[in-house]
C-alpha atoms as a PDB file:
ATOM      1  CA  UNK A   1      26.922 -57.961  43.097  1.00  0.00           C
ATOM      2  CA  UNK A   2      24.188 -60.094  44.566  1.00  0.00           C
ATOM      3  CA  UNK A   3      21.429 -58.565  42.429  1.00  0.00           C
ATOM      4  CA  UNK A   4      19.383 -60.869  40.209  1.00  0.00           C
ATOM      5  CA  UNK A   5      19.840 -59.874  36.531  1.00  0.00           C
ATOM      6  CA  UNK A   6      16.095 -59.418  35.951  1.00  0.00           C
ATOM      7  CA  UNK A   7      15.887 -57.136  39.009  1.00  0.00           C
ATOM      8  CA  UNK A   8      18.929 -55.206  37.775  1.00  0.00           C
ATOM      9  CA  UNK A   9      17.176 -54.671  34.428  1.00  0.00           C
ATOM     10  CA  UNK A  10      14.020 -53.516  36.186  1.00  0.00           C
ATOM     11  CA  UNK A  11      16.056 -51.057  38.291  1.00  0.00           C
ATOM     12  CA  UNK A  12      18.084 -49.803  35.303  1.00  0.00           C
ATOM     13  CA  UNK A  13      14.971 -49.178  33.211  1.00  0.00           C
ATOM     14  CA  UNK A  14      13.605 -47.085  36.050  1.00  0.00           C
ATOM     15  CA  UNK A  15      16.872 -45.192  36.600  1.00  0.00           C
ATOM     16  CA  UNK A  16      17.698 -44.655  32.911  1.00  0.00           C
ATOM     17  CA  UNK A  17      14.252 -44.240  31.309  1.00  0.00           C
ATOM     18  CA  UNK A  18      11.942 -43.443  34.227  1.00  0.00           C
ATOM     19  CA  UNK A  19       9.613 -46.387  33.592  1.00  0.00           C
ATOM     20  CA  UNK A  20       8.336 -49.186  35.798  1.00  0.00           C
ATOM     21  CA  UNK A  21       8.674 -52.452  33.882  1.00  0.00           C
ATOM     22  CA  UNK A  22       7.625 -56.027  34.417  1.00  0.00           C
ATOM     23  CA  UNK A  23      10.439 -58.266  33.245  1.00  0.00           C
ATOM     24  CA  UNK A  24       9.522 -61.532  31.584  1.00  0.00           C
ATOM     25  CA  UNK A  25      11.469 -64.515  30.351  1.00  0.00           C
ATOM     26  CA  UNK A  26      15.155 -64.607  29.530  1.00  0.00           C
ATOM     27  CA  UNK A  27      15.190 -65.283  25.779  1.00  0.00           C
ATOM     28  CA  UNK A  28      18.907 -65.884  25.369  1.00  0.00           C
ATOM     29  CA  UNK A  29      22.334 -65.096  26.756  1.00  0.00           C
ATOM     30  CA  UNK A  30      25.631 -64.653  24.954  1.00  0.00           C
ATOM     31  CA  UNK A  31      29.130 -63.367  25.540  1.00  0.00           C
ATOM     32  CA  UNK A  32      31.373 -61.029  23.572  1.00  0.00           C
ATOM     33  CA  UNK A  33      35.008 -60.012  23.945  1.00  0.00           C
ATOM     34  CA  UNK A  34      36.452 -56.570  23.343  1.00  0.00           C
ATOM     35  CA  UNK A  35      40.110 -57.512  23.495  1.00  0.00           C
ATOM     36  CA  UNK A  36      40.842 -58.625  27.053  1.00  0.00           C
ATOM     37  CA  UNK A  37      37.437 -57.516  28.359  1.00  0.00           C
ATOM     38  CA  UNK A  38      34.488 -59.886  28.177  1.00  0.00           C
ATOM     39  CA  UNK A  39      30.837 -58.975  28.531  1.00  0.00           C
ATOM     40  CA  UNK A  40      27.798 -61.110  29.240  1.00  0.00           C
ATOM     41  CA  UNK A  41      24.640 -60.043  27.408  1.00  0.00           C
ATOM     42  CA  UNK A  42      21.234 -61.186  28.652  1.00  0.00           C
ATOM     43  CA  UNK A  43      18.151 -60.596  26.495  1.00  0.00           C
ATOM     44  CA  UNK A  44      14.921 -60.486  28.495  1.00  0.00           C
ATOM     45  CA  UNK A  45      11.349 -59.887  27.438  1.00  0.00           C
ATOM     46  CA  UNK A  46       9.777 -56.765  28.913  1.00  0.00           C
ATOM     47  CA  UNK A  47       6.126 -57.777  29.346  1.00  0.00           C
ATOM     48  CA  UNK A  48       4.875 -54.222  29.783  1.00  0.00           C
ATOM     49  CA  UNK A  49       5.896 -50.918  31.269  1.00  0.00           C
ATOM     50  CA  UNK A  50       4.194 -48.035  32.984  1.00  0.00           C
ATOM     51  CA  UNK A  51       5.197 -44.473  32.219  1.00  0.00           C
ATOM     52  CA  UNK A  52       6.600 -42.657  29.222  1.00  0.00           C
ATOM     53  CA  UNK A  53      10.234 -43.557  28.439  1.00  0.00           C
ATOM     54  CA  UNK A  54      12.366 -40.428  28.602  1.00  0.00           C
ATOM     55  CA  UNK A  55      16.072 -39.745  28.252  1.00  0.00           C
ATOM     56  CA  UNK A  56      17.007 -39.111  31.878  1.00  0.00           C
ATOM     57  CA  UNK A  57      20.762 -39.640  31.369  1.00  0.00           C
ATOM     58  CA  UNK A  58      21.172 -39.531  27.585  1.00  0.00           C
ATOM     59  CA  UNK A  59      20.922 -36.827  24.948  1.00  0.00           C
ATOM     60  CA  UNK A  60      18.029 -38.567  23.211  1.00  0.00           C
ATOM     61  CA  UNK A  61      16.108 -41.809  22.758  1.00  0.00           C
ATOM     62  CA  UNK A  62      14.290 -42.845  19.599  1.00  0.00           C
ATOM     63  CA  UNK A  63      12.094 -45.675  18.352  1.00  0.00           C
ATOM     64  CA  UNK A  64      13.034 -47.574  15.192  1.00  0.00           C
ATOM     65  CA  UNK A  65      11.146 -50.047  13.038  1.00  0.00           C
ATOM     66  CA  UNK A  66      12.677 -53.529  13.055  1.00  0.00           C
ATOM     67  CA  UNK A  67      13.742 -53.205   9.408  1.00  0.00           C
ATOM     68  CA  UNK A  68      15.648 -49.970  10.207  1.00  0.00           C
ATOM     69  CA  UNK A  69      17.834 -51.483  12.936  1.00  0.00           C
ATOM     70  CA  UNK A  70      20.439 -53.051  10.614  1.00  0.00           C
ATOM     71  CA  UNK A  71      21.374 -49.592   9.278  1.00  0.00           C
ATOM     72  CA  UNK A  72      22.220 -48.269  12.766  1.00  0.00           C
ATOM     73  CA  UNK A  73      25.713 -48.066  14.202  1.00  0.00           C
ATOM     74  CA  UNK A  74      25.698 -50.667  16.965  1.00  0.00           C
ATOM     75  CA  UNK A  75      28.360 -52.088  19.264  1.00  0.00           C
ATOM     76  CA  UNK A  76      29.919 -55.290  17.901  1.00  0.00           C
ATOM     77  CA  UNK A  77      28.414 -57.282  20.766  1.00  0.00           C
ATOM     78  CA  UNK A  78      24.906 -56.334  19.618  1.00  0.00           C
ATOM     79  CA  UNK A  79      25.625 -56.506  15.891  1.00  0.00           C
ATOM     80  CA  UNK A  80      26.822 -60.118  16.268  1.00  0.00           C
ATOM     81  CA  UNK A  81      23.406 -61.206  17.601  1.00  0.00           C
ATOM     82  CA  UNK A  82      21.258 -58.754  15.655  1.00  0.00           C
ATOM     83  CA  UNK A  83      19.455 -61.482  13.691  1.00  0.00           C
ATOM     84  CA  UNK A  84      18.504 -63.224  16.959  1.00  0.00           C
ATOM     85  CA  UNK A  85      17.336 -59.942  18.475  1.00  0.00           C
ATOM     86  CA  UNK A  86      15.211 -58.907  15.502  1.00  0.00           C
ATOM     87  CA  UNK A  87      13.652 -62.375  15.198  1.00  0.00           C
ATOM     88  CA  UNK A  88      12.282 -61.880  18.728  1.00  0.00           C
ATOM     89  CA  UNK A  89      10.714 -58.570  17.714  1.00  0.00           C
ATOM     90  CA  UNK A  90       8.678 -59.870  14.798  1.00  0.00           C
END
């Protein structure tokens, strides 16, 4: 509570991936409901980062080409906005 979303993203990228990132513009926001639980999703541009992303708290991280993303198993919240996400990546 009380943390700006862009600052939270900056902090999380450092904690989860070990990178220092400059966060850019908010491209869009949306909501999704999993039954009684609602989530707010904010999609920011990351202008650049310093450091090599590494899986500090996960078993692995991988890069995918934009055209490979649709074949991945994604949470419904992300799948519902996948076209908007991938249009930002092209």
